[in-house]
Amino acid sequence: MPYAPIYLDHQASTPIDPRVKAAMTRNEGLYGNPHSTNHLAGIGAARAVETARRQVARAIGGDARRLVFTSGATEANNLAMFGVARASSGRRGIVTVRTEHSSVLEPTQALGEMDFDVQTLPVQSDGLVDLDSVERAVGERTLLVSVMHVNNETGVIQQIPAIAEICQRVGAILHSDCAQSLGRLPLDVRKLGADLLTLSAHKCYGPKGIGALYVGNRARNRVRPLTLGGGQEGGLRPGTLPVPLCIGFGEACRAAARDVHADAERMGRLAEELLESIFAAFPRAQLNGSRRHRAPGAFNVRFPGAGSDELLDAFEGIQASSGSACASTVAEPSPVLLAYGLSPAEADSSLRFCVGRFTTEEEVRSAGDVIRRAARQLSVTSPIGRLARASVG
């Protein structure tokens, strides 16, 4: 029998919050160019953009004047990596981690081809980078360190404040991709310690096509633009801003700042319930990455003996994924899970799950039913049945 779709892939994208949609609809008459402030249409649009900028900055405890709107997290990551490199006149060291998003790893590789000294650090089996290895890699010649806050495949939280202390001692800039953190964890730029923060609207119940790079005081005057012409966004990101998307991003951040603690408690509880259903149906299933250092609602599970495509087919109606949405067209094992020490076969037997703000308890219970039924089915049709029989009799 068919099952109603249950969306459990909130690390790939989140649905637009009704409050965000309402804010965008209320302001759809703002047709003016926000950079044309010599008439009322432009002034109204500019005011809406600056309100949104304050809302986004407030959600991370930052200064609105330091926030640069971009088209999304990928552009923000590229601006951070290449922008800092372009501004450097002496330091040539770039340090990052193997589990970063491709929008950090590929720019890092390109910088290596431009004669920057690149180090890509391994992670431990729990997904955390070893702080001693960071200490050894970062020195007086280090220009930029880039470490993601919350991993987009496993939800593992890196120790950014501790890494920030290492960077500050030697004057290196720390960039952190916080696209998966915003709306899932309380964020405060001062406590986090990163100099550059990447943010994304569609990961926190806002619209697609808008993100931001927060440029902290230590990074001031140490980032140059990648594109030229217009001088908008403090000269770092020229081009006419999309007013409706800025409004939606701002409202999403306003809601996230207000609801983050309640959302985190609820998503964490629902995720644990779902995880226990998986372990009950598949006793040899294993969590990939740290259970302790993990963002609420997100987890990645390995099902020994089955491929991810087989599992997704069996979990009828459950919308989960086998890895990063940005790499879903590439038929290769997850580089993140390989970095955790998994074999290609183990990585291929893993699925990513993530509940969200609007996931209901009924949906989690229904997902548990689907998983138990799939375990019974696979016990007959698949080698993974050896793992399921113990629990389904």
Protein backbone atom coordinates (compact mmCIF):
# COMPACT_ATOMS: atom_id res chain seq x y z
CA MET A 1 0.00 0.00 0.00
CA PRO A 2 1.28 3.55 -0.73
CA TYR A 3 2.24 5.77 2.18
CA ALA A 4 1.80 9.53 2.46
CA PRO A 5 5.15 11.28 1.93
CA ILE A 6 7.06 12.03 5.14
CA TYR A 7 9.73 14.67 4.58
CA LEU A 8 12.86 13.86 6.58
CA ASP A 9 15.51 15.66 4.52
CA HIS A 10 15.60 19.07 6.18
CA GLN A 11 19.37 19.33 5.84
CA ALA A 12 18.86 19.48 2.07
CA SER A 13 16.21 22.19 2.30
CA THR A 14 13.36 23.32 4.53
CA PRO A 15 9.80 24.31 3.63
CA ILE A 16 9.00 28.01 3.76
CA ASP A 17 7.52 28.98 7.11
CA PRO A 18 4.00 30.45 6.72
CA ARG A 19 5.20 33.55 8.59
CA VAL A 20 7.89 34.02 5.95
CA LYS A 21 5.42 33.62 3.12
CA ALA A 22 3.08 36.13 4.78
CA ALA A 23 5.85 38.70 5.19
CA MET A 24 6.87 38.36 1.55
CA THR A 25 3.24 38.65 0.42
CA ARG A 26 2.60 41.75 2.56
CA ASN A 27 5.52 43.49 0.91
CA GLU A 28 5.10 42.35 -2.68
CA GLY A 29 4.23 45.92 -3.67
CA LEU A 30 7.82 47.03 -3.01
CA TYR A 31 8.88 47.10 -6.65
CA GLY A 32 11.51 49.84 -6.35
CA ASN A 33 15.24 49.31 -6.65
CA PRO A 34 16.62 49.42 -3.08
CA HIS A 35 19.68 51.25 -4.38
CA SER A 36 17.60 54.07 -5.92
CA THR A 37 16.92 56.13 -2.81
CA ASN A 38 16.04 59.39 -4.53
CA HIS A 39 12.33 58.50 -4.66
CA LEU A 40 9.74 56.80 -2.44
CA ALA A 41 9.65 53.48 -4.30
CA GLY A 42 13.38 53.01 -3.84
CA ILE A 43 13.33 54.27 -0.26
CA GLY A 44 10.60 51.78 0.69
CA ALA A 45 12.55 48.90 -0.83
CA ALA A 46 15.77 50.04 0.86
CA ARG A 47 14.07 50.22 4.25
CA ALA A 48 12.71 46.70 3.83
CA VAL A 49 16.18 45.40 2.94
CA GLU A 50 17.78 47.08 5.95
CA THR A 51 15.08 45.73 8.26
CA ALA A 52 15.85 42.27 6.90
CA ARG A 53 19.57 42.83 7.36
CA ARG A 54 19.01 43.72 11.02
CA GLN A 55 16.82 40.64 11.51
CA VAL A 56 19.47 38.31 10.07
CA ALA A 57 22.26 39.94 12.07
CA ARG A 58 20.21 39.86 15.27
CA ALA A 59 19.70 36.09 14.87
CA ILE A 60 23.47 35.60 15.20
CA GLY A 61 24.13 38.38 17.71
CA GLY A 62 25.95 40.41 15.09
CA ASP A 63 26.20 43.93 13.71
CA ALA A 64 23.92 44.51 10.72
CA ARG A 65 26.58 46.69 9.09
CA ARG A 66 28.83 43.63 8.79
CA LEU A 67 26.29 41.48 6.92
CA VAL A 68 26.66 41.02 3.16
CA PHE A 69 23.73 39.49 1.28
CA THR A 70 24.59 36.86 -1.35
CA SER A 71 22.68 34.50 -3.60
CA GLY A 72 23.16 31.67 -1.08
CA ALA A 73 25.69 29.71 0.95
CA THR A 74 27.74 28.60 -2.06
CA GLU A 75 28.42 32.18 -3.12
CA ALA A 76 29.12 33.20 0.48
CA ASN A 77 31.66 30.38 0.87
CA ASN A 78 33.35 31.35 -2.38
CA LEU A 79 33.45 35.00 -1.36
CA ALA A 80 35.03 34.03 1.96
CA MET A 81 37.68 31.77 0.44
CA PHE A 82 38.67 33.71 -2.67
CA GLY A 83 37.92 37.12 -1.17
CA VAL A 84 40.38 36.62 1.69
CA ALA A 85 42.95 35.13 -0.67
CA ARG A 86 42.69 38.12 -3.02
CA ALA A 87 43.20 40.55 -0.14
CA SER A 88 46.31 38.82 1.20
CA SER A 89 49.69 40.36 0.54
CA GLY A 90 51.85 37.97 2.51
CA ARG A 91 50.30 34.96 4.22
CA ARG A 92 49.72 31.96 1.95
CA GLY A 93 48.48 29.19 4.24
CA ILE A 94 44.95 27.78 3.84
CA VAL A 95 43.68 25.13 6.28
CA THR A 96 40.40 23.26 5.97
CA VAL A 97 38.88 19.86 6.78
CA ARG A 98 38.04 16.86 4.59
CA THR A 99 34.37 16.93 5.58
CA GLU A 100 33.67 20.45 4.28
CA HIS A 101 31.02 21.23 1.70
CA SER A 102 32.20 21.18 -1.92
CA SER A 103 31.75 24.96 -2.07
CA VAL A 104 34.69 25.18 0.34
CA LEU A 105 36.75 22.20 -0.83
CA GLU A 106 36.71 23.13 -4.52
CA PRO A 107 37.78 26.75 -3.91
CA THR A 108 40.48 25.39 -1.59
CA GLN A 109 41.72 23.13 -4.38
CA ALA A 110 41.71 26.07 -6.80
CA LEU A 111 43.71 28.16 -4.34
CA GLY A 112 46.25 25.35 -4.13
CA GLU A 113 46.64 25.60 -7.89
CA MET A 114 47.28 29.32 -7.40
CA ASP A 115 50.31 28.54 -5.20
CA PHE A 116 48.63 28.89 -1.83
CA ASP A 117 49.85 26.38 0.74
CA VAL A 118 46.78 24.20 1.35
CA GLN A 119 46.32 21.69 4.17
CA THR A 120 43.17 19.58 4.34
CA LEU A 121 42.92 17.99 7.78
CA PRO A 122 41.41 14.56 8.48
CA VAL A 123 38.69 13.95 11.04
CA GLN A 124 38.36 11.27 13.70
CA SER A 125 35.87 8.42 13.43
CA ASP A 126 33.29 10.53 15.30
CA GLY A 127 33.57 13.25 12.65
CA LEU A 128 35.36 15.78 14.86
CA VAL A 129 38.61 17.33 13.76
CA ASP A 130 41.37 16.78 16.32
CA LEU A 131 42.27 20.12 17.93
CA ASP A 132 45.92 19.09 18.23
CA SER A 133 46.06 18.64 14.46
CA VAL A 134 44.58 22.11 14.02
CA GLU A 135 47.19 23.50 16.43
CA ARG A 136 49.98 21.88 14.41
CA ALA A 137 48.61 23.06 11.06
CA VAL A 138 47.92 26.69 11.96
CA GLY A 139 50.89 29.02 12.27
CA GLU A 140 52.22 32.50 11.57
CA ARG A 141 51.95 31.96 7.80
CA THR A 142 48.33 30.80 7.93
CA LEU A 143 45.96 33.16 6.19
CA LEU A 144 42.60 31.39 6.47
CA VAL A 145 41.08 28.43 8.28
CA SER A 146 37.66 27.16 7.14
CA VAL A 147 35.72 24.69 9.29
CA MET A 148 31.99 23.98 8.97
CA HIS A 149 30.00 24.38 12.18
CA VAL A 150 27.36 21.65 11.64
CA ASN A 151 28.03 18.98 9.04
CA ASN A 152 25.43 18.85 6.30
CA GLU A 153 25.38 15.03 6.12
CA THR A 154 25.75 13.86 9.70
CA GLY A 155 24.84 16.84 11.89
CA VAL A 156 28.17 16.60 13.76
CA ILE A 157 29.07 19.89 15.48
CA GLN A 158 32.69 21.00 15.26
CA GLN A 159 34.41 22.78 18.17
CA ILE A 160 34.50 26.20 16.50
CA PRO A 161 35.20 28.30 19.65
CA ALA A 162 38.30 26.23 20.41
CA ILE A 163 39.47 26.48 16.79
CA ALA A 164 38.85 30.24 16.92
CA GLU A 165 41.22 30.57 19.88
CA ILE A 166 43.96 28.81 17.91
CA CYS A 167 43.44 31.12 14.94
CA GLN A 168 43.36 34.27 17.02
CA ARG A 169 46.70 33.46 18.64
CA VAL A 170 48.47 33.60 15.27
CA GLY A 171 46.30 36.18 13.51
CA ALA A 172 44.64 33.79 11.06
CA ILE A 173 41.09 34.40 9.86
CA LEU A 174 38.52 31.74 10.72
CA HIS A 175 35.61 31.12 8.35
CA SER A 176 32.75 28.82 9.37
CA ASP A 177 29.94 27.61 7.15
CA CYS A 178 26.96 27.94 9.49
CA ALA A 179 24.26 27.17 6.92
CA GLN A 180 23.16 24.11 8.91
CA SER A 181 23.37 25.89 12.28
CA LEU A 182 21.01 28.80 11.74
CA GLY A 183 17.61 27.93 13.18
CA ARG A 184 18.86 24.62 14.59
CA LEU A 185 21.30 25.88 17.22
CA PRO A 186 21.57 29.17 19.12
CA LEU A 187 24.19 31.26 17.29
CA ASP A 188 26.23 34.11 18.72
CA VAL A 189 29.14 35.36 16.63
CA ARG A 190 30.99 36.57 19.72
CA LYS A 191 30.82 33.19 21.48
CA LEU A 192 31.47 31.23 18.30
CA GLY A 193 34.59 33.27 17.59
CA ALA A 194 34.57 32.90 13.80
CA ASP A 195 35.50 35.96 11.73
CA LEU A 196 33.45 35.01 8.67
CA LEU A 197 30.11 33.17 8.87
CA THR A 198 28.15 31.73 5.97
CA LEU A 199 24.35 31.71 6.26
CA SER A 200 21.55 30.38 4.06
CA ALA A 201 17.83 31.19 4.04
CA HIS A 202 16.45 27.95 2.65
CA LYS A 203 18.07 25.92 5.42
CA CYS A 204 16.08 27.85 8.03
CA TYR A 205 12.56 27.94 6.52
CA GLY A 206 13.21 30.89 4.22
CA PRO A 207 13.27 31.22 0.43
CA LYS A 208 15.87 29.76 -1.90
CA GLY A 209 18.23 32.10 -3.70
CA ILE A 210 19.39 34.24 -0.77
CA GLY A 211 22.15 33.88 1.82
CA ALA A 212 24.74 36.00 3.54
CA LEU A 213 28.35 36.30 4.58
CA TYR A 214 28.92 37.90 7.96
CA VAL A 215 32.24 39.76 8.02
CA GLY A 216 33.42 40.26 11.59
CA ASN A 217 35.72 42.97 12.85
CA ARG A 218 38.90 40.89 12.58
CA ALA A 219 38.16 40.21 8.92
CA ARG A 220 37.39 43.84 8.16
CA ASN A 221 39.44 45.07 5.19
CA ARG A 222 40.72 41.51 4.67
CA VAL A 223 38.13 40.47 2.08
CA ARG A 224 38.00 41.66 -1.52
CA PRO A 225 35.06 41.28 -3.92
CA LEU A 226 34.93 38.55 -6.55
CA THR A 227 32.69 40.49 -8.92
CA LEU A 228 32.85 44.15 -9.82
CA GLY A 229 30.42 46.84 -10.89
CA GLY A 230 27.93 48.74 -8.77
CA GLY A 231 29.55 48.86 -5.37
CA GLN A 232 26.56 47.48 -3.45
CA GLU A 233 26.92 45.60 -0.14
CA GLY A 234 29.86 47.66 0.99
CA GLY A 235 31.59 46.98 -2.31
CA LEU A 236 31.91 43.27 -1.54
CA ARG A 237 28.97 41.97 -3.55
CA PRO A 238 27.73 44.24 -6.35
CA GLY A 239 24.33 43.81 -7.94
CA THR A 240 20.73 44.77 -7.27
CA LEU A 241 19.41 42.98 -4.20
CA PRO A 242 16.26 40.79 -4.52
CA VAL A 243 13.98 42.64 -2.12
CA PRO A 244 11.36 39.85 -1.64
CA LEU A 245 14.06 37.29 -0.89
CA CYS A 246 15.77 39.62 1.59
CA ILE A 247 12.43 40.15 3.33
CA GLY A 248 11.84 36.40 3.49
CA PHE A 249 15.33 35.75 4.83
CA GLY A 250 14.87 38.40 7.50
CA GLU A 251 11.54 37.01 8.65
CA ALA A 252 12.94 33.46 8.69
CA CYS A 253 15.74 34.67 10.97
CA ARG A 254 13.35 36.58 13.19
CA ALA A 255 11.30 33.41 13.66
CA ALA A 256 14.42 31.28 14.14
CA ALA A 257 15.79 33.56 16.85
CA ARG A 258 12.50 33.41 18.71
CA ASP A 259 11.84 29.68 18.35
CA VAL A 260 15.31 28.12 18.28
CA HIS A 261 15.28 26.67 21.82
CA ALA A 262 11.78 25.19 21.54
CA ASP A 263 12.51 23.90 18.03
CA ALA A 264 15.78 22.30 19.13
CA GLU A 265 14.14 20.50 22.06
CA ARG A 266 11.28 19.23 19.93
CA MET A 267 13.39 18.20 16.92
CA GLY A 268 15.89 16.47 19.16
CA ARG A 269 13.16 14.45 20.84
CA LEU A 270 11.54 13.43 17.55
CA ALA A 271 14.87 12.47 16.03
CA GLU A 272 15.72 10.25 18.99
CA GLU A 273 12.34 8.54 18.67
CA LEU A 274 12.96 7.91 14.99
CA LEU A 275 16.49 6.69 15.64
CA GLU A 276 15.25 4.22 18.24
CA SER A 277 12.68 2.90 15.74
CA ILE A 278 15.48 2.29 13.27
CA PHE A 279 17.65 0.50 15.83
CA ALA A 280 14.72 -1.64 16.94
CA ALA A 281 13.99 -2.73 13.37
CA PHE A 282 17.64 -3.10 12.35
CA PRO A 283 19.64 -4.08 15.46
CA ARG A 284 22.99 -3.89 13.67
CA ALA A 285 22.39 -0.43 12.24
CA GLN A 286 24.96 2.10 13.44
CA LEU A 287 25.06 5.85 13.83
CA ASN A 288 27.67 7.61 11.72
CA GLY A 289 29.48 10.30 13.67
CA SER A 290 29.25 11.54 17.21
CA ARG A 291 25.99 11.08 19.08
CA ARG A 292 26.93 13.66 21.68
CA HIS A 293 28.22 16.42 19.38
CA ARG A 294 25.28 16.49 16.98
CA ALA A 295 22.74 19.12 16.01
CA PRO A 296 19.14 18.44 17.12
CA GLY A 297 17.06 16.56 14.59
CA ALA A 298 19.86 15.37 12.29
CA PHE A 299 21.52 11.99 12.06
CA ASN A 300 23.11 9.58 9.59
CA VAL A 301 22.69 5.80 9.91
CA ARG A 302 24.55 2.88 8.38
CA PHE A 303 22.56 -0.25 7.47
CA PRO A 304 25.15 -3.00 6.88
CA GLY A 305 24.20 -5.33 4.05
CA ALA A 306 22.06 -3.02 1.90
CA GLY A 307 22.61 -0.24 -0.58
CA SER A 308 21.14 3.22 -0.07
CA ASP A 309 18.95 2.97 -3.19
CA GLU A 310 17.50 -0.34 -1.97
CA LEU A 311 16.77 1.19 1.42
CA LEU A 312 15.12 4.31 0.00
CA ASP A 313 12.90 2.10 -2.17
CA ALA A 314 11.97 -0.04 0.83
CA PHE A 315 11.26 2.98 3.06
CA GLU A 316 8.23 3.82 0.95
CA GLY A 317 7.04 7.38 1.46
CA ILE A 318 10.03 8.44 3.61
CA GLN A 319 11.88 11.27 1.92
CA ALA A 320 15.48 10.94 3.12
CA SER A 321 18.77 10.96 1.22
CA SER A 322 22.04 9.15 0.82
CA GLY A 323 24.26 12.23 1.10
CA SER A 324 24.64 15.90 0.26
CA ALA A 325 21.97 17.27 -2.05
CA CYS A 326 24.72 19.11 -3.97
CA ALA A 327 26.38 15.78 -4.80
CA SER A 328 23.25 13.70 -5.42
CA THR A 329 23.90 13.44 -9.17
CA VAL A 330 27.34 11.91 -8.59
CA ALA A 331 27.24 8.14 -8.19
CA GLU A 332 30.13 7.97 -5.73
CA PRO A 333 30.34 7.19 -2.01
CA SER A 334 29.96 10.17 0.32
CA PRO A 335 33.36 11.85 0.82
CA VAL A 336 32.21 12.84 4.31
CA LEU A 337 31.60 9.25 5.37
CA LEU A 338 34.82 8.08 3.73
CA ALA A 339 36.60 10.72 5.81
CA TYR A 340 35.03 9.16 8.91
CA GLY A 341 36.85 5.95 8.02
CA LEU A 342 33.96 4.07 6.41
CA SER A 343 34.60 1.83 3.42
CA PRO A 344 32.86 2.67 0.12
CA ALA A 345 30.38 -0.16 0.77
CA GLU A 346 29.63 1.13 4.28
CA ALA A 347 29.16 4.66 2.97
CA ASP A 348 26.79 3.35 0.30
CA SER A 349 24.71 1.61 2.97
CA SER A 350 24.11 4.88 4.85
CA LEU A 351 21.16 7.27 4.86
CA ARG A 352 20.75 10.81 6.13
CA PHE A 353 17.63 11.74 8.12
CA CYS A 354 16.65 15.13 9.48
CA VAL A 355 13.38 16.18 11.09
CA GLY A 356 12.27 19.80 11.01
CA ARG A 357 10.14 22.47 12.60
CA PHE A 358 6.94 21.15 11.03
CA THR A 359 7.60 17.42 11.41
CA THR A 360 4.78 15.97 13.53
CA GLU A 361 4.81 13.22 16.12
CA GLU A 362 2.33 11.35 13.95
CA GLU A 363 4.75 11.49 11.01
CA VAL A 364 7.57 10.11 13.14
CA ARG A 365 5.34 7.26 14.35
CA SER A 366 4.28 6.57 10.76
CA ALA A 367 7.92 6.58 9.67
CA GLY A 368 8.64 4.02 12.38
CA ASP A 369 5.83 1.83 11.01
CA VAL A 370 7.26 2.12 7.49
CA ILE A 371 10.72 1.18 8.72
CA ARG A 372 9.42 -1.87 10.58
CA ARG A 373 7.47 -3.02 7.52
CA ALA A 374 10.53 -2.47 5.36
CA ALA A 375 12.60 -4.59 7.76
CA ARG A 376 10.12 -7.46 7.36
CA GLN A 377 10.14 -7.08 3.59
CA LEU A 378 13.91 -6.94 3.37
CA SER A 379 14.20 -9.99 5.63
CA VAL A 380 12.75 -11.97 2.73
CA THR A 381 14.12 -10.20 -0.34
CA SER A 382 17.54 -8.86 0.63
CA PRO A 383 20.79 -9.87 2.34
CA ILE A 384 20.03 -7.18 4.88
CA GLY A 385 17.34 -9.54 6.15
CA ARG A 386 19.96 -11.26 8.26
CA LEU A 387 20.14 -8.02 10.24
CA ALA A 388 16.40 -7.51 10.51
CA ARG A 389 15.13 -10.98 11.42
CA ALA A 390 16.27 -10.74 15.02
CA SER A 391 13.87 -7.89 15.62
CA VAL A 392 10.92 -8.80 13.43
CA GLY A 393 10.80 -12.51 14.13
